[in-house]
Structures are given as C-alpha cells and as structure tokens.
Amino acid sequence: MASTSSSRLLAAAVLAALFAGAMCAVKVSFTVERGSGAKKLVLKIDYARPGDSLAEVELRQHGSEEWQPLTKKGDFWEVSCSKDLVGPFNFRFMSKNGMRNVFDEVFSTDFKIGKTYAPEY
C-alpha cells in the first residue's frame, strides 16, 4: 500500500514539474532588419526572460545539419553566407543563465524586412 501511495505521489510531483516548465515557456521573436538579403540576415531578437539575456544564437538552414553562429552587433544579431540562404530557418540559442532552446521553421526565405516572426509553441 505504501508503495502505491509513494508511486502516486512521485507521479504527481513529476506532472507538476512538467506543467510548471510548460508555463515558463520562453517568449522570443525575430524581427528582420534592414541589411538582410539573400545571403545575409540581420535580426533584432526579443528574448523575454526577466534577469536573463541571450549569450549565443545559431542558425540552421533548411536541409543542413550545420549550425552557423550569429554575431552580436549592437542590438542586432547577424549571419552572412557565401551562398543564398535556404529557409525555413531554425534557430538555437543559449542564454547567459544557461537556458537552451531550439525553434524550428521560424520563417522562410521570402521574409519581409521589418516583419516580426514568432515561433509556434
């Protein structure tokens, strides 16, 4: 009997932790800025997590296994390629507090300058 009660208590604790984690989903959005084009992305990334900020951002193009680092320049994150970029684009980041996340297919190659894209959760 105690074993069943302990198992139920453990299961309830695990479910509560999973629910709490889901409620703390990171809000992030990507605004395509001037200077972006077929071979370059310039992004303003809004990362809404109090007391934390982005430390690293990487891009993976459609059909690629390689993650390319973006460079922080002022308020913007940039990546340049020798060939045309291929979307939809996937982003991976790590925050200064160690939070890691991947957002798949955030926006496609036919992006619009000035438009803000948010990943679907």
PDB file of N, CA and C in Angstrom:
ATOM      1  N   MET A   1       0.823  -1.194   0.000  1.00  0.00           N
ATOM      2  CA  MET A   1       0.000   0.000   0.000  1.00  0.00           C
ATOM      3  C   MET A   1       0.866   1.256   0.000  1.00  0.00           C
ATOM      4  N   ALA A   2       1.911   1.272   0.826  1.00  0.00           N
ATOM      5  CA  ALA A   2       2.782   2.431   0.884  1.00  0.00           C
ATOM      6  C   ALA A   2       3.484   2.631  -0.456  1.00  0.00           C
ATOM      7  N   SER A   3       3.808   1.535  -1.121  1.00  0.00           N
ATOM      8  CA  SER A   3       4.484   1.629  -2.417  1.00  0.00           C
ATOM      9  C   SER A   3       3.580   2.288  -3.453  1.00  0.00           C
ATOM     10  N   THR A   4       2.314   1.935  -3.462  1.00  0.00           N
ATOM     11  CA  THR A   4       1.359   2.528  -4.395  1.00  0.00           C
ATOM     12  C   THR A   4       1.194   4.011  -4.098  1.00  0.00           C
ATOM     13  N   SER A   5       1.105   4.354  -2.824  1.00  0.00           N
ATOM     14  CA  SER A   5       0.957   5.750  -2.419  1.00  0.00           C
ATOM     15  C   SER A   5       2.190   6.555  -2.809  1.00  0.00           C
ATOM     16  N   SER A   6       3.367   5.997  -2.613  1.00  0.00           N
ATOM     17  CA  SER A   6       4.615   6.678  -2.979  1.00  0.00           C
ATOM     18  C   SER A   6       4.706   6.867  -4.488  1.00  0.00           C
ATOM     19  N   SER A   7       4.294   5.855  -5.232  1.00  0.00           N
ATOM     20  CA  SER A   7       4.330   5.954  -6.695  1.00  0.00           C
ATOM     21  C   SER A   7       3.394   7.044  -7.183  1.00  0.00           C
ATOM     22  N   ARG A   8       2.226   7.136  -6.583  1.00  0.00           N
ATOM     23  CA  ARG A   8       1.269   8.171  -6.976  1.00  0.00           C
ATOM     24  C   ARG A   8       1.799   9.559  -6.628  1.00  0.00           C
ATOM     25  N   LEU A   9       2.414   9.669  -5.476  1.00  0.00           N
ATOM     26  CA  LEU A   9       2.979  10.952  -5.062  1.00  0.00           C
ATOM     27  C   LEU A   9       4.104  11.368  -6.003  1.00  0.00           C
ATOM     28  N   LEU A  10       4.953  10.418  -6.373  1.00  0.00           N
ATOM     29  CA  LEU A  10       6.038  10.697  -7.309  1.00  0.00           C
ATOM     30  C   LEU A  10       5.479  11.107  -8.669  1.00  0.00           C
ATOM     31  N   ALA A  11       4.475  10.398  -9.153  1.00  0.00           N
ATOM     32  CA  ALA A  11       3.858  10.724 -10.436  1.00  0.00           C
ATOM     33  C   ALA A  11       3.248  12.123 -10.399  1.00  0.00           C
ATOM     34  N   ALA A  12       2.600  12.475  -9.308  1.00  0.00           N
ATOM     35  CA  ALA A  12       2.006  13.806  -9.168  1.00  0.00           C
ATOM     36  C   ALA A  12       3.090  14.882  -9.171  1.00  0.00           C
ATOM     37  N   ALA A  13       4.209  14.621  -8.503  1.00  0.00           N
ATOM     38  CA  ALA A  13       5.312  15.589  -8.464  1.00  0.00           C
ATOM     39  C   ALA A  13       5.913  15.790  -9.851  1.00  0.00           C
ATOM     40  N   VAL A  14       6.078  14.708 -10.607  1.00  0.00           N
ATOM     41  CA  VAL A  14       6.622  14.800 -11.960  1.00  0.00           C
ATOM     42  C   VAL A  14       5.676  15.590 -12.859  1.00  0.00           C
ATOM     43  N   LEU A  15       4.389  15.320 -12.784  1.00  0.00           N
ATOM     44  CA  LEU A  15       3.410  16.060 -13.586  1.00  0.00           C
ATOM     45  C   LEU A  15       3.405  17.543 -13.221  1.00  0.00           C
ATOM     46  N   ALA A  16       3.511  17.858 -11.930  1.00  0.00           N
ATOM     47  CA  ALA A  16       3.545  19.261 -11.503  1.00  0.00           C
ATOM     48  C   ALA A  16       4.780  19.964 -12.056  1.00  0.00           C
ATOM     49  N   ALA A  17       5.911  19.287 -12.045  1.00  0.00           N
ATOM     50  CA  ALA A  17       7.145  19.875 -12.581  1.00  0.00           C
ATOM     51  C   ALA A  17       7.026  20.105 -14.083  1.00  0.00           C
ATOM     52  N   LEU A  18       6.462  19.151 -14.811  1.00  0.00           N
ATOM     53  CA  LEU A  18       6.283  19.310 -16.249  1.00  0.00           C
ATOM     54  C   LEU A  18       5.335  20.466 -16.560  1.00  0.00           C
ATOM     55  N   PHE A  19       4.266  20.579 -15.803  1.00  0.00           N
ATOM     56  CA  PHE A  19       3.311  21.661 -16.000  1.00  0.00           C
ATOM     57  C   PHE A  19       3.966  23.015 -15.717  1.00  0.00           C
ATOM     58  N   ALA A  20       4.731  23.105 -14.640  1.00  0.00           N
ATOM     59  CA  ALA A  20       5.417  24.359 -14.298  1.00  0.00           C
ATOM     60  C   ALA A  20       6.398  24.737 -15.396  1.00  0.00           C
ATOM     61  N   GLY A  21       7.117  23.777 -15.947  1.00  0.00           N
ATOM     62  CA  GLY A  21       8.058  24.045 -17.036  1.00  0.00           C
ATOM     63  C   GLY A  21       7.349  24.552 -18.270  1.00  0.00           C
ATOM     64  N   ALA A  22       6.204  23.979 -18.577  1.00  0.00           N
ATOM     65  CA  ALA A  22       5.437  24.412 -19.753  1.00  0.00           C
ATOM     66  C   ALA A  22       4.916  25.831 -19.574  1.00  0.00           C
ATOM     67  N   MET A  23       4.571  26.196 -18.367  1.00  0.00           N
ATOM     68  CA  MET A  23       4.052  27.529 -18.092  1.00  0.00           C
ATOM     69  C   MET A  23       5.146  28.589 -18.160  1.00  0.00           C
ATOM     70  N   CYS A  24       6.410  28.174 -18.090  1.00  0.00           N
ATOM     71  CA  CYS A  24       7.537  29.106 -18.117  1.00  0.00           C
ATOM     72  C   CYS A  24       8.182  29.157 -19.500  1.00  0.00           C
ATOM     73  N   ALA A  25       7.433  28.864 -20.528  1.00  0.00           N
ATOM     74  CA  ALA A  25       7.991  28.858 -21.882  1.00  0.00           C
ATOM     75  C   ALA A  25       8.587  30.223 -22.204  1.00  0.00           C
ATOM     76  N   VAL A  26       9.720  30.201 -22.842  1.00  0.00           N
ATOM     77  CA  VAL A  26      10.416  31.423 -23.203  1.00  0.00           C
ATOM     78  C   VAL A  26       9.696  32.096 -24.360  1.00  0.00           C
ATOM     79  N   LYS A  27       9.473  33.377 -24.237  1.00  0.00           N
ATOM     80  CA  LYS A  27       8.879  34.162 -25.319  1.00  0.00           C
ATOM     81  C   LYS A  27      10.017  34.788 -26.099  1.00  0.00           C
ATOM     82  N   VAL A  28      10.042  34.527 -27.383  1.00  0.00           N
ATOM     83  CA  VAL A  28      11.084  35.064 -28.245  1.00  0.00           C
ATOM     84  C   VAL A  28      10.465  35.453 -29.582  1.00  0.00           C
ATOM     85  N   SER A  29      10.977  36.536 -30.167  1.00  0.00           N
ATOM     86  CA  SER A  29      10.532  36.929 -31.501  1.00  0.00           C
ATOM     87  C   SER A  29      11.737  37.445 -32.283  1.00  0.00           C
ATOM     88  N   PHE A  30      11.629  37.339 -33.600  1.00  0.00           N
ATOM     89  CA  PHE A  30      12.717  37.674 -34.513  1.00  0.00           C
ATOM     90  C   PHE A  30      12.207  38.719 -35.496  1.00  0.00           C
ATOM     91  N   THR A  31      12.780  39.922 -35.489  1.00  0.00           N
ATOM     92  CA  THR A  31      12.417  40.960 -36.443  1.00  0.00           C
ATOM     93  C   THR A  31      13.529  41.060 -37.476  1.00  0.00           C
ATOM     94  N   VAL A  32      13.163  40.918 -38.747  1.00  0.00           N
ATOM     95  CA  VAL A  32      14.132  41.005 -39.838  1.00  0.00           C
ATOM     96  C   VAL A  32      14.401  42.488 -40.108  1.00  0.00           C
ATOM     97  N   GLU A  33      15.668  42.883 -40.024  1.00  0.00           N
ATOM     98  CA  GLU A  33      16.055  44.278 -40.136  1.00  0.00           C
ATOM     99  C   GLU A  33      16.666  44.610 -41.495  1.00  0.00           C
ATOM    100  N   ARG A  34      16.775  45.908 -41.771  1.00  0.00           N
ATOM    101  CA  ARG A  34      17.450  46.380 -42.984  1.00  0.00           C
ATOM    102  C   ARG A  34      18.848  45.813 -43.039  1.00  0.00           C
ATOM    103  N   GLY A  35      19.295  45.515 -44.244  1.00  0.00           N
ATOM    104  CA  GLY A  35      20.601  44.884 -44.422  1.00  0.00           C
ATOM    105  C   GLY A  35      20.465  43.400 -44.690  1.00  0.00           C
ATOM    106  N   SER A  36      19.279  42.845 -44.398  1.00  0.00           N
ATOM    107  CA  SER A  36      19.021  41.436 -44.680  1.00  0.00           C
ATOM    108  C   SER A  36      18.779  41.254 -46.164  1.00  0.00           C
ATOM    109  N   GLY A  37      19.198  40.115 -46.686  1.00  0.00           N
ATOM    110  CA  GLY A  37      19.002  39.824 -48.099  1.00  0.00           C
ATOM    111  C   GLY A  37      19.210  38.355 -48.362  1.00  0.00           C
ATOM    112  N   ALA A  38      19.478  38.012 -49.599  1.00  0.00           N
ATOM    113  CA  ALA A  38      19.602  36.611 -49.998  1.00  0.00           C
ATOM    114  C   ALA A  38      20.746  35.890 -49.288  1.00  0.00           C
ATOM    115  N   LYS A  39      21.813  36.619 -48.932  1.00  0.00           N
ATOM    116  CA  LYS A  39      22.987  35.991 -48.325  1.00  0.00           C
ATOM    117  C   LYS A  39      23.285  36.465 -46.903  1.00  0.00           C
ATOM    118  N   LYS A  40      22.389  37.277 -46.344  1.00  0.00           N
ATOM    119  CA  LYS A  40      22.647  37.836 -45.016  1.00  0.00           C
ATOM    120  C   LYS A  40      21.349  38.044 -44.256  1.00  0.00           C
ATOM    121  N   LEU A  41      21.377  37.722 -42.969  1.00  0.00           N
ATOM    122  CA  LEU A  41      20.262  38.024 -42.077  1.00  0.00           C
ATOM    123  C   LEU A  41      20.745  38.979 -40.998  1.00  0.00           C
ATOM    124  N   VAL A  42      19.969  40.024 -40.773  1.00  0.00           N
ATOM    125  CA  VAL A  42      20.190  40.944 -39.667  1.00  0.00           C
ATOM    126  C   VAL A  42      18.899  40.905 -38.861  1.00  0.00           C
ATOM    127  N   LEU A  43      18.999  40.481 -37.607  1.00  0.00           N
ATOM    128  CA  LEU A  43      17.814  40.254 -36.787  1.00  0.00           C
ATOM    129  C   LEU A  43      17.866  41.024 -35.478  1.00  0.00           C
ATOM    130  N   LYS A  44      16.728  41.537 -35.073  1.00  0.00           N
ATOM    131  CA  LYS A  44      16.540  42.025 -33.707  1.00  0.00           C
ATOM    132  C   LYS A  44      15.786  40.903 -33.023  1.00  0.00           C
ATOM    133  N   ILE A  45      16.392  40.323 -32.014  1.00  0.00           N
ATOM    134  CA  ILE A  45      15.772  39.196 -31.326  1.00  0.00           C
ATOM    135  C   ILE A  45      15.307  39.664 -29.959  1.00  0.00           C
ATOM    136  N   ASP A  46      14.002  39.603 -29.737  1.00  0.00           N
ATOM    137  CA  ASP A  46      13.436  39.946 -28.435  1.00  0.00           C
ATOM    138  C   ASP A  46      13.279  38.670 -27.632  1.00  0.00           C
ATOM    139  N   TYR A  47      13.984  38.625 -26.519  1.00  0.00           N
ATOM    140  CA  TYR A  47      14.011  37.457 -25.636  1.00  0.00           C
ATOM    141  C   TYR A  47      13.477  37.905 -24.293  1.00  0.00           C
ATOM    142  N   ALA A  48      12.290  37.443 -23.947  1.00  0.00           N
ATOM    143  CA  ALA A  48      11.616  37.918 -22.746  1.00  0.00           C
ATOM    144  C   ALA A  48      11.734  36.912 -21.605  1.00  0.00           C
ATOM    145  N   ARG A  49      12.812  37.030 -20.869  1.00  0.00           N
ATOM    146  CA  ARG A  49      13.002  36.220 -19.660  1.00  0.00           C
ATOM    147  C   ARG A  49      13.673  37.129 -18.642  1.00  0.00           C
ATOM    148  N   PRO A  50      12.936  37.563 -17.637  1.00  0.00           N
ATOM    149  CA  PRO A  50      13.483  38.515 -16.660  1.00  0.00           C
ATOM    150  C   PRO A  50      14.808  38.040 -16.061  1.00  0.00           C
ATOM    151  N   GLY A  51      15.766  38.962 -16.009  1.00  0.00           N
ATOM    152  CA  GLY A  51      17.061  38.665 -15.403  1.00  0.00           C
ATOM    153  C   GLY A  51      17.983  37.829 -16.272  1.00  0.00           C
ATOM    154  N   ASP A  52      17.664  37.673 -17.545  1.00  0.00           N
ATOM    155  CA  ASP A  52      18.480  36.839 -18.427  1.00  0.00           C
ATOM    156  C   ASP A  52      18.587  37.532 -19.789  1.00  0.00           C
ATOM    157  N   SER A  53      19.569  37.150 -20.567  1.00  0.00           N
ATOM    158  CA  SER A  53      19.732  37.680 -21.923  1.00  0.00           C
ATOM    159  C   SER A  53      20.423  36.630 -22.783  1.00  0.00           C
ATOM    160  N   LEU A  54      20.391  36.839 -24.071  1.00  0.00           N
ATOM    161  CA  LEU A  54      20.980  35.873 -24.996  1.00  0.00           C
ATOM    162  C   LEU A  54      22.501  35.944 -24.971  1.00  0.00           C
ATOM    163  N   ALA A  55      23.140  34.794 -24.947  1.00  0.00           N
ATOM    164  CA  ALA A  55      24.598  34.712 -24.998  1.00  0.00           C
ATOM    165  C   ALA A  55      25.067  34.231 -26.366  1.00  0.00           C
ATOM    166  N   GLU A  56      24.351  33.265 -26.941  1.00  0.00           N
ATOM    167  CA  GLU A  56      24.707  32.692 -28.239  1.00  0.00           C
ATOM    168  C   GLU A  56      23.444  32.426 -29.037  1.00  0.00           C
ATOM    169  N   VAL A  57      23.517  32.680 -30.352  1.00  0.00           N
ATOM    170  CA  VAL A  57      22.415  32.365 -31.259  1.00  0.00           C
ATOM    171  C   VAL A  57      23.020  31.704 -32.487  1.00  0.00           C
ATOM    172  N   GLU A  58      22.384  30.636 -32.955  1.00  0.00           N
ATOM    173  CA  GLU A  58      22.850  29.926 -34.144  1.00  0.00           C
ATOM    174  C   GLU A  58      21.691  29.698 -35.105  1.00  0.00           C
ATOM    175  N   LEU A  59      22.021  29.586 -36.381  1.00  0.00           N
ATOM    176  CA  LEU A  59      21.053  29.375 -37.452  1.00  0.00           C
ATOM    177  C   LEU A  59      21.339  28.050 -38.142  1.00  0.00           C
ATOM    178  N   ARG A  60      20.293  27.298 -38.417  1.00  0.00           N
ATOM    179  CA  ARG A  60      20.418  26.109 -39.268  1.00  0.00           C
ATOM    180  C   ARG A  60      19.462  26.302 -40.434  1.00  0.00           C
ATOM    181  N   GLN A  61      20.018  26.244 -41.620  1.00  0.00           N
ATOM    182  CA  GLN A  61      19.217  26.393 -42.825  1.00  0.00           C
ATOM    183  C   GLN A  61      18.521  25.081 -43.167  1.00  0.00           C
ATOM    184  N   HIS A  62      17.461  25.197 -43.952  1.00  0.00           N
ATOM    185  CA  HIS A  62      16.700  24.024 -44.381  1.00  0.00           C
ATOM    186  C   HIS A  62      17.620  23.034 -45.101  1.00  0.00           C
ATOM    187  N   GLY A  63      17.531  21.768 -44.730  1.00  0.00           N
ATOM    188  CA  GLY A  63      18.303  20.718 -45.376  1.00  0.00           C
ATOM    189  C   GLY A  63      19.733  20.586 -44.888  1.00  0.00           C
ATOM    190  N   SER A  64      20.140  21.433 -43.950  1.00  0.00           N
ATOM    191  CA  SER A  64      21.516  21.395 -43.443  1.00  0.00           C
ATOM    192  C   SER A  64      21.554  20.770 -42.049  1.00  0.00           C
ATOM    193  N   GLU A  65      22.676  20.160 -41.731  1.00  0.00           N
ATOM    194  CA  GLU A  65      22.907  19.644 -40.380  1.00  0.00           C
ATOM    195  C   GLU A  65      23.795  20.606 -39.586  1.00  0.00           C
ATOM    196  N   GLU A  66      24.334  21.617 -40.278  1.00  0.00           N
ATOM    197  CA  GLU A  66      25.301  22.538 -39.677  1.00  0.00           C
ATOM    198  C   GLU A  66      24.607  23.740 -39.036  1.00  0.00           C
ATOM    199  N   TRP A  67      25.041  24.080 -37.832  1.00  0.00           N
ATOM    200  CA  TRP A  67      24.571  25.276 -37.146  1.00  0.00           C
ATOM    201  C   TRP A  67      25.605  26.372 -37.364  1.00  0.00           C
ATOM    202  N   GLN A  68      25.170  27.540 -37.818  1.00  0.00           N
ATOM    203  CA  GLN A  68      26.046  28.676 -38.077  1.00  0.00           C
ATOM    204  C   GLN A  68      25.850  29.722 -36.978  1.00  0.00           C
ATOM    205  N   PRO A  69      26.934  30.179 -36.350  1.00  0.00           N
ATOM    206  CA  PRO A  69      26.778  31.188 -35.292  1.00  0.00           C
ATOM    207  C   PRO A  69      26.409  32.555 -35.851  1.00  0.00           C
ATOM    208  N   LEU A  70      25.539  33.248 -35.152  1.00  0.00           N
ATOM    209  CA  LEU A  70      25.241  34.635 -35.463  1.00  0.00           C
ATOM    210  C   LEU A  70      26.167  35.503 -34.611  1.00  0.00           C
ATOM    211  N   THR A  71      26.506  36.670 -35.122  1.00  0.00           N
ATOM    212  CA  THR A  71      27.380  37.606 -34.416  1.00  0.00           C
ATOM    213  C   THR A  71      26.536  38.740 -33.864  1.00  0.00           C
ATOM    214  N   LYS A  72      26.769  39.087 -32.601  1.00  0.00           N
ATOM    215  CA  LYS A  72      26.052  40.197 -31.963  1.00  0.00           C
ATOM    216  C   LYS A  72      26.731  41.503 -32.347  1.00  0.00           C
ATOM    217  N   LYS A  73      25.953  42.426 -32.929  1.00  0.00           N
ATOM    218  CA  LYS A  73      26.456  43.746 -33.304  1.00  0.00           C
ATOM    219  C   LYS A  73      25.471  44.786 -32.790  1.00  0.00           C
ATOM    220  N   GLY A  74      25.791  45.393 -31.666  1.00  0.00           N
ATOM    221  CA  GLY A  74      24.862  46.340 -31.033  1.00  0.00           C
ATOM    222  C   GLY A  74      23.613  45.616 -30.589  1.00  0.00           C
ATOM    223  N   ASP A  75      22.466  46.071 -31.083  1.00  0.00           N
ATOM    224  CA  ASP A  75      21.185  45.446 -30.723  1.00  0.00           C
ATOM    225  C   ASP A  75      20.787  44.323 -31.669  1.00  0.00           C
ATOM    226  N   PHE A  76      21.645  44.016 -32.643  1.00  0.00           N
ATOM    227  CA  PHE A  76      21.273  43.072 -33.687  1.00  0.00           C
ATOM    228  C   PHE A  76      22.168  41.835 -33.690  1.00  0.00           C
ATOM    229  N   TRP A  77      21.629  40.763 -34.267  1.00  0.00           N
ATOM    230  CA  TRP A  77      22.362  39.511 -34.489  1.00  0.00           C
ATOM    231  C   TRP A  77      22.449  39.317 -35.999  1.00  0.00           C
ATOM    232  N   GLU A  78      23.649  38.993 -36.503  1.00  0.00           N
ATOM    233  CA  GLU A  78      23.852  38.888 -37.946  1.00  0.00           C
ATOM    234  C   GLU A  78      24.540  37.573 -38.316  1.00  0.00           C
ATOM    235  N   VAL A  79      24.209  37.111 -39.525  1.00  0.00           N
ATOM    236  CA  VAL A  79      24.909  35.981 -40.125  1.00  0.00           C
ATOM    237  C   VAL A  79      24.980  36.231 -41.625  1.00  0.00           C
ATOM    238  N   SER A  80      26.159  35.970 -42.196  1.00  0.00           N
ATOM    239  CA  SER A  80      26.365  36.119 -43.641  1.00  0.00           C
ATOM    240  C   SER A  80      26.851  34.796 -44.206  1.00  0.00           C
ATOM    241  N   CYS A  81      26.452  34.512 -45.443  1.00  0.00           N
ATOM    242  CA  CYS A  81      26.839  33.282 -46.120  1.00  0.00           C
ATOM    243  C   CYS A  81      27.352  33.616 -47.509  1.00  0.00           C
ATOM    244  N   SER A  82      28.187  32.739 -48.047  1.00  0.00           N
ATOM    245  CA  SER A  82      28.688  32.947 -49.403  1.00  0.00           C
ATOM    246  C   SER A  82      27.637  32.559 -50.449  1.00  0.00           C
ATOM    247  N   LYS A  83      26.716  31.693 -50.076  1.00  0.00           N
ATOM    248  CA  LYS A  83      25.630  31.267 -50.970  1.00  0.00           C
ATOM    249  C   LYS A  83      24.302  31.803 -50.428  1.00  0.00           C
ATOM    250  N   ASP A  84      23.265  31.777 -51.269  1.00  0.00           N
ATOM    251  CA  ASP A  84      21.940  32.206 -50.819  1.00  0.00           C
ATOM    252  C   ASP A  84      21.475  31.374 -49.636  1.00  0.00           C
ATOM    253  N   LEU A  85      20.852  32.041 -48.680  1.00  0.00           N
ATOM    254  CA  LEU A  85      20.273  31.366 -47.525  1.00  0.00           C
ATOM    255  C   LEU A  85      19.084  30.515 -47.966  1.00  0.00           C
ATOM    256  N   VAL A  86      18.883  29.394 -47.289  1.00  0.00           N
ATOM    257  CA  VAL A  86      17.792  28.480 -47.622  1.00  0.00           C
ATOM    258  C   VAL A  86      16.900  28.297 -46.389  1.00  0.00           C
ATOM    259  N   GLY A  87      15.688  28.774 -46.474  1.00  0.00           N
ATOM    260  CA  GLY A  87      14.733  28.628 -45.381  1.00  0.00           C
ATOM    261  C   GLY A  87      13.814  27.455 -45.632  1.00  0.00           C
ATOM    262  N   PRO A  88      12.962  27.144 -44.698  1.00  0.00           N
ATOM    263  CA  PRO A  88      12.728  27.876 -43.463  1.00  0.00           C
ATOM    264  C   PRO A  88      13.910  27.739 -42.503  1.00  0.00           C
ATOM    265  N   PHE A  89      14.048  28.764 -41.648  1.00  0.00           N
ATOM    266  CA  PHE A  89      15.194  28.864 -40.768  1.00  0.00           C
ATOM    267  C   PHE A  89      14.886  28.348 -39.365  1.00  0.00           C
ATOM    268  N   ASN A  90      15.849  27.619 -38.815  1.00  0.00           N
ATOM    269  CA  ASN A  90      15.780  27.116 -37.450  1.00  0.00           C
ATOM    270  C   ASN A  90      16.797  27.894 -36.624  1.00  0.00           C
ATOM    271  N   PHE A  91      16.433  28.203 -35.384  1.00  0.00           N
ATOM    272  CA  PHE A  91      17.336  28.941 -34.503  1.00  0.00           C
ATOM    273  C   PHE A  91      17.549  28.169 -33.207  1.00  0.00           C
ATOM    274  N   ARG A  92      18.777  28.228 -32.725  1.00  0.00           N
ATOM    275  CA  ARG A  92      19.142  27.611 -31.446  1.00  0.00           C
ATOM    276  C   ARG A  92      19.845  28.691 -30.641  1.00  0.00           C
ATOM    277  N   PHE A  93      19.525  28.763 -29.355  1.00  0.00           N
ATOM    278  CA  PHE A  93      20.206  29.757 -28.537  1.00  0.00           C
ATOM    279  C   PHE A  93      20.543  29.220 -27.162  1.00  0.00           C
ATOM    280  N   MET A  94      21.482  29.926 -26.522  1.00  0.00           N
ATOM    281  CA  MET A  94      21.802  29.693 -25.123  1.00  0.00           C
ATOM    282  C   MET A  94      21.817  31.066 -24.458  1.00  0.00           C
ATOM    283  N   SER A  95      21.159  31.155 -23.315  1.00  0.00           N
ATOM    284  CA  SER A  95      21.124  32.424 -22.594  1.00  0.00           C
ATOM    285  C   SER A  95      22.312  32.498 -21.636  1.00  0.00           C
ATOM    286  N   LYS A  96      22.531  33.671 -21.097  1.00  0.00           N
ATOM    287  CA  LYS A  96      23.636  33.860 -20.145  1.00  0.00           C
ATOM    288  C   LYS A  96      23.431  33.038 -18.877  1.00  0.00           C
ATOM    289  N   ASN A  97      22.173  32.724 -18.544  1.00  0.00           N
ATOM    290  CA  ASN A  97      21.879  31.897 -17.370  1.00  0.00           C
ATOM    291  C   ASN A  97      21.811  30.407 -17.686  1.00  0.00           C
ATOM    292  N   GLY A  98      22.162  30.027 -18.927  1.00  0.00           N
ATOM    293  CA  GLY A  98      22.228  28.615 -19.282  1.00  0.00           C
ATOM    294  C   GLY A  98      20.973  28.015 -19.893  1.00  0.00           C
ATOM    295  N   MET A  99      19.944  28.822 -20.129  1.00  0.00           N
ATOM    296  CA  MET A  99      18.730  28.317 -20.769  1.00  0.00           C
ATOM    297  C   MET A  99      19.047  28.012 -22.229  1.00  0.00           C
ATOM    298  N   ARG A 100      18.666  26.836 -22.694  1.00  0.00           N
ATOM    299  CA  ARG A 100      18.882  26.443 -24.092  1.00  0.00           C
ATOM    300  C   ARG A 100      17.537  26.155 -24.726  1.00  0.00           C
ATOM    301  N   ASN A 101      17.430  26.519 -26.013  1.00  0.00           N
ATOM    302  CA  ASN A 101      16.183  26.249 -26.707  1.00  0.00           C
ATOM    303  C   ASN A 101      16.431  26.212 -28.204  1.00  0.00           C
ATOM    304  N   VAL A 102      15.580  25.491 -28.915  1.00  0.00           N
ATOM    305  CA  VAL A 102      15.625  25.413 -30.371  1.00  0.00           C
ATOM    306  C   VAL A 102      14.240  25.759 -30.892  1.00  0.00           C
ATOM    307  N   PHE A 103      14.211  26.618 -31.910  1.00  0.00           N
ATOM    308  CA  PHE A 103      12.959  26.985 -32.553  1.00  0.00           C
ATOM    309  C   PHE A 103      13.067  26.593 -34.013  1.00  0.00           C
ATOM    310  N   ASP A 104      12.200  25.710 -34.455  1.00  0.00           N
ATOM    311  CA  ASP A 104      12.236  25.193 -35.815  1.00  0.00           C
ATOM    312  C   ASP A 104      11.313  25.978 -36.742  1.00  0.00           C
ATOM    313  N   GLU A 105      11.785  26.161 -37.981  1.00  0.00           N
ATOM    314  CA  GLU A 105      10.996  26.762 -39.057  1.00  0.00           C
ATOM    315  C   GLU A 105      10.307  28.054 -38.631  1.00  0.00           C
ATOM    316  N   VAL A 106      11.107  28.992 -38.124  1.00  0.00           N
ATOM    317  CA  VAL A 106      10.575  30.262 -37.620  1.00  0.00           C
ATOM    318  C   VAL A 106      10.044  31.137 -38.752  1.00  0.00           C
ATOM    319  N   PHE A 107      10.817  31.246 -39.838  1.00  0.00           N
ATOM    320  CA  PHE A 107      10.327  31.959 -41.020  1.00  0.00           C
ATOM    321  C   PHE A 107      11.073  31.454 -42.244  1.00  0.00           C
ATOM    322  N   SER A 108      10.522  31.780 -43.413  1.00  0.00           N
ATOM    323  CA  SER A 108      11.054  31.221 -44.657  1.00  0.00           C
ATOM    324  C   SER A 108      11.962  32.214 -45.391  1.00  0.00           C
ATOM    325  N   THR A 109      12.465  31.787 -46.520  1.00  0.00           N
ATOM    326  CA  THR A 109      13.370  32.590 -47.335  1.00  0.00           C
ATOM    327  C   THR A 109      12.683  33.846 -47.881  1.00  0.00           C
ATOM    328  N   ASP A 110      11.379  33.827 -48.015  1.00  0.00           N
ATOM    329  CA  ASP A 110      10.670  35.002 -48.538  1.00  0.00           C
ATOM    330  C   ASP A 110      10.276  35.985 -47.432  1.00  0.00           C
ATOM    331  N   PHE A 111      11.174  36.148 -46.439  1.00  0.00           N
ATOM    332  CA  PHE A 111      10.931  37.047 -45.314  1.00  0.00           C
ATOM    333  C   PHE A 111      10.755  38.491 -45.796  1.00  0.00           C
ATOM    334  N   LYS A 112      10.136  39.297 -44.948  1.00  0.00           N
ATOM    335  CA  LYS A 112       9.909  40.713 -45.241  1.00  0.00           C
ATOM    336  C   LYS A 112      10.694  41.562 -44.243  1.00  0.00           C
ATOM    337  N   ILE A 113      11.412  42.568 -44.772  1.00  0.00           N
ATOM    338  CA  ILE A 113      12.143  43.499 -43.917  1.00  0.00           C
ATOM    339  C   ILE A 113      11.135  44.230 -43.020  1.00  0.00           C
ATOM    340  N   GLY A 114      11.440  44.280 -41.726  1.00  0.00           N
ATOM    341  CA  GLY A 114      10.567  44.952 -40.767  1.00  0.00           C
ATOM    342  C   GLY A 114       9.514  44.070 -40.141  1.00  0.00           C
ATOM    343  N   LYS A 115       9.333  42.870 -40.660  1.00  0.00           N
ATOM    344  CA  LYS A 115       8.326  41.963 -40.108  1.00  0.00           C
ATOM    345  C   LYS A 115       8.900  41.191 -38.922  1.00  0.00           C
ATOM    346  N   THR A 116       8.057  40.989 -37.932  1.00  0.00           N
ATOM    347  CA  THR A 116       8.439  40.209 -36.749  1.00  0.00           C
ATOM    348  C   THR A 116       7.815  38.831 -36.839  1.00  0.00           C
ATOM    349  N   TYR A 117       8.656  37.833 -36.625  1.00  0.00           N
ATOM    350  CA  TYR A 117       8.236  36.434 -36.680  1.00  0.00           C
ATOM    351  C   TYR A 117       8.395  35.825 -35.290  1.00  0.00           C
ATOM    352  N   ALA A 118       7.412  35.052 -34.883  1.00  0.00           N
ATOM    353  CA  ALA A 118       7.472  34.359 -33.603  1.00  0.00           C
ATOM    354  C   ALA A 118       7.290  32.870 -33.844  1.00  0.00           C
ATOM    355  N   PRO A 119       8.086  32.047 -33.176  1.00  0.00           N
ATOM    356  CA  PRO A 119       7.922  30.605 -33.356  1.00  0.00           C
ATOM    357  C   PRO A 119       6.591  30.141 -32.796  1.00  0.00           C
ATOM    358  N   GLU A 120       6.093  29.062 -33.382  1.00  0.00           N
ATOM    359  CA  GLU A 120       4.876  28.446 -32.844  1.00  0.00           C
ATOM    360  C   GLU A 120       5.282  27.526 -31.716  1.00  0.00           C
ATOM    361  N   TYR A 121       4.547  27.604 -30.625  1.00  0.00           N
ATOM    362  CA  TYR A 121       4.877  26.778 -29.448  1.00  0.00           C
ATOM    363  C   TYR A 121       4.018  25.553 -29.408  1.00  0.00           C
TER     364      TYR A 121
END
